[in-house]
Amino acid sequence: MTTDIPEGGKLLSEILSAFVRNPEMVDSLEGIARWRLLNARIRSDVEETKEALDVLVSKGYLLTVETASGPFFQINAEKLTAAESLVQEFSAGKTTGNLSQETNAVPITITNQTKQLLLVPLSSRATLHLAPGETSSPLVDSEVNQNDKVNKLAKSGHIRIVRASSKTAEKPGK
């Protein structure tokens, strides 16, 4: 079969296929360009999203749940605080998206020095619940840096902050 359609098969095929699948379709040049861009963006976004999910799973922030209809993803509860910190760093522009840089942060712990339950507000807007004498799991230092409420708790002796690299108690911002 001979055709008088010029080369450029992929684009021609994409446009013609849309009209064949939807014979009632009527659209303008701009409308067709818009849905083509949208479809291309969706394809690109799916690929980018898969890459991002693979990284988040490999770093332990997300867990994969295999189902008959494919994988589902959920937060790893054990890394929720670290994930919240990372999200805060992304929004503050402190992290570029390269999670291999995440290991440069100095892990810290916070210990409740009081005899009552203490709620410690973190920079990521999460709240750390510490029983008397309890020490938190390691947190990234951005959770306490420039956090006035944490500074106040440390200065008043309600909490002790220990940076993993120094193993000595420090007050944030000092």
Protein backbone atom coordinates (compact mmCIF):
# COMPACT_ATOMS: atom_id res chain seq x y z
CA MET A 1 0.00 0.00 0.00
CA THR A 2 1.41 3.35 -1.00
CA THR A 3 0.97 6.40 1.17
CA ASP A 4 1.53 10.04 0.44
CA ILE A 5 2.25 10.82 4.10
CA PRO A 6 5.76 12.16 4.74
CA GLU A 7 8.15 10.58 7.20
CA GLY A 8 7.82 11.40 10.88
CA GLY A 9 6.02 8.19 11.71
CA LYS A 10 5.91 8.40 15.51
CA LEU A 11 4.24 11.81 15.66
CA LEU A 12 1.93 11.03 12.75
CA SER A 13 1.00 7.69 14.27
CA GLU A 14 0.33 9.26 17.69
CA ILE A 15 -1.98 11.93 16.29
CA LEU A 16 -3.77 9.65 13.84
CA SER A 17 -4.21 6.94 16.51
CA ALA A 18 -5.93 9.46 18.79
CA PHE A 19 -8.43 10.33 16.04
CA VAL A 20 -8.96 6.63 15.20
CA ARG A 21 -9.61 5.76 18.86
CA ASN A 22 -11.96 8.76 19.19
CA PRO A 23 -13.68 9.23 15.79
CA GLU A 24 -15.96 11.93 17.22
CA MET A 25 -12.97 14.02 18.35
CA VAL A 26 -12.65 17.55 17.00
CA ASP A 27 -9.77 19.65 18.32
CA SER A 28 -7.68 22.68 17.41
CA LEU A 29 -3.95 22.76 16.75
CA GLU A 30 -3.38 24.13 20.26
CA GLY A 31 -5.70 21.52 21.79
CA ILE A 32 -3.89 18.66 20.06
CA ALA A 33 -0.50 20.08 21.07
CA ARG A 34 -1.77 20.39 24.67
CA TRP A 35 -2.89 16.75 24.98
CA ARG A 36 0.28 15.57 23.26
CA LEU A 37 2.35 17.51 25.80
CA LEU A 38 0.21 16.20 28.63
CA ASN A 39 0.65 12.58 27.48
CA ALA A 40 4.40 13.09 27.06
CA ARG A 41 4.57 14.70 30.51
CA ILE A 42 2.66 11.81 32.08
CA ARG A 43 5.03 9.28 30.47
CA SER A 44 8.03 11.29 31.67
CA ASP A 45 6.54 11.75 35.15
CA VAL A 46 5.89 8.01 35.49
CA GLU A 47 9.53 7.28 34.63
CA GLU A 48 10.82 9.97 37.01
CA THR A 49 8.46 8.81 39.75
CA LYS A 50 9.65 5.21 39.40
CA GLU A 51 13.27 6.36 39.70
CA ALA A 52 12.45 8.45 42.79
CA LEU A 53 10.51 5.59 44.41
CA ASP A 54 13.41 3.20 43.75
CA VAL A 55 15.78 5.59 45.57
CA LEU A 56 13.39 6.15 48.50
CA VAL A 57 12.90 2.39 48.88
CA SER A 58 16.65 1.71 48.65
CA LYS A 59 17.31 4.34 51.37
CA GLY A 60 14.64 2.77 53.58
CA TYR A 61 12.24 5.75 53.69
CA LEU A 62 9.51 3.79 51.90
CA LEU A 63 8.47 0.15 52.01
CA THR A 64 7.14 -1.78 49.04
CA VAL A 65 4.01 -3.88 49.45
CA GLU A 66 3.60 -6.34 46.59
CA THR A 67 0.02 -6.90 45.47
CA ALA A 68 -1.62 -8.72 42.58
CA SER A 69 -2.12 -5.38 40.83
CA GLY A 70 1.50 -4.32 41.31
CA PRO A 71 3.58 -2.72 44.03
CA PHE A 72 2.18 -0.22 46.51
CA PHE A 73 4.38 2.05 48.61
CA GLN A 74 4.12 3.25 52.18
CA ILE A 75 6.25 5.16 54.65
CA ASN A 76 8.65 3.15 56.78
CA ALA A 77 7.46 4.03 60.29
CA GLU A 78 10.97 3.48 61.66
CA LYS A 79 12.30 6.27 59.41
CA LEU A 80 9.33 8.64 59.68
CA THR A 81 11.19 11.28 61.70
CA ALA A 82 14.18 11.16 59.34
CA ALA A 83 11.80 11.39 56.36
CA GLU A 84 10.07 14.42 57.90
CA SER A 85 13.47 16.06 58.39
CA LEU A 86 14.45 15.36 54.82
CA VAL A 87 11.18 16.84 53.54
CA GLN A 88 11.88 19.96 55.63
CA GLU A 89 15.38 20.19 54.15
CA PHE A 90 13.96 19.85 50.63
CA SER A 91 11.48 22.68 51.28
CA ALA A 92 14.17 24.89 52.78
CA GLY A 93 16.39 24.23 49.76
CA LYS A 94 19.09 22.64 51.94
CA THR A 95 18.96 19.34 50.05
CA THR A 96 19.25 19.03 46.29
CA GLY A 97 17.51 15.69 45.97
CA ASN A 98 20.75 13.70 45.97
CA LEU A 99 20.06 11.40 48.91
CA SER A 100 23.66 10.22 48.97
CA GLN A 101 24.43 13.61 50.55
CA GLU A 102 22.09 12.78 53.41
CA THR A 103 24.89 10.99 55.23
CA ASN A 104 26.73 14.31 55.67
CA ALA A 105 24.28 15.38 58.37
CA VAL A 106 25.44 14.85 61.95
CA PRO A 107 23.00 12.58 63.78
CA ILE A 108 21.84 13.82 67.17
CA THR A 109 19.80 12.40 70.02
CA ILE A 110 17.61 14.20 72.51
CA THR A 111 17.17 12.94 76.08
CA ASN A 112 14.31 13.95 78.37
CA GLN A 113 15.91 15.15 81.63
CA THR A 114 12.58 15.68 83.41
CA LYS A 115 10.38 13.34 85.43
CA GLN A 116 7.39 13.74 83.14
CA LEU A 117 6.40 13.11 79.53
CA LEU A 118 7.94 15.77 77.34
CA LEU A 119 6.77 16.88 73.91
CA VAL A 120 9.64 18.27 71.84
CA PRO A 121 8.60 20.25 68.74
CA LEU A 122 10.96 19.54 65.86
CA SER A 123 11.75 21.84 62.93
CA SER A 124 9.93 19.48 60.55
CA ARG A 125 6.74 20.21 62.52
CA ALA A 126 6.81 16.69 63.96
CA THR A 127 6.62 16.30 67.72
CA LEU A 128 8.96 14.02 69.59
CA HIS A 129 7.29 12.30 72.60
CA LEU A 130 9.86 11.39 75.25
CA ALA A 131 9.16 9.61 78.53
CA PRO A 132 11.24 10.59 81.58
CA GLY A 133 14.88 9.68 80.91
CA GLU A 134 14.09 8.46 77.40
CA THR A 135 16.52 9.16 74.55
CA SER A 136 15.26 9.66 71.02
CA SER A 137 16.39 7.63 68.04
CA PRO A 138 18.99 9.49 65.95
CA LEU A 139 17.70 12.64 64.26
CA VAL A 140 19.27 14.90 61.67
CA ASP A 141 20.67 18.08 63.17
CA SER A 142 18.36 20.27 61.10
CA GLU A 143 15.58 19.23 63.49
CA VAL A 144 17.08 21.38 66.26
CA ASN A 145 19.20 23.98 64.46
CA GLN A 146 17.60 27.41 64.76
CA ASN A 147 14.64 25.91 66.63
CA ASP A 148 13.80 28.40 69.41
CA LYS A 149 11.56 25.98 71.30
CA VAL A 150 14.24 23.28 71.38
CA ASN A 151 16.82 25.91 72.39
CA LYS A 152 14.60 26.96 75.28
CA LEU A 153 14.11 23.34 76.44
CA ALA A 154 17.89 22.75 76.30
CA LYS A 155 18.75 25.98 78.13
CA SER A 156 16.25 25.20 80.88
CA GLY A 157 17.78 21.73 81.35
CA HIS A 158 14.64 19.86 80.27
CA ILE A 159 16.47 18.11 77.43
CA ARG A 160 20.04 17.11 76.65
CA ILE A 161 21.16 17.13 73.02
CA VAL A 162 24.04 14.85 72.01
CA ARG A 163 25.70 15.07 68.62
CA ALA A 164 26.94 11.65 67.49
CA SER A 165 30.30 12.92 66.27
CA SER A 166 31.24 14.56 69.57
CA LYS A 167 29.42 12.27 72.04
CA THR A 168 29.09 15.29 74.35
CA ALA A 169 26.05 17.22 75.33
CA GLU A 170 25.50 20.44 73.42
CA LYS A 171 22.89 23.08 73.28
CA PRO A 172 21.52 23.78 69.80
CA GLY A 173 22.71 26.87 68.03
CA LYS A 174 26.01 26.94 69.96
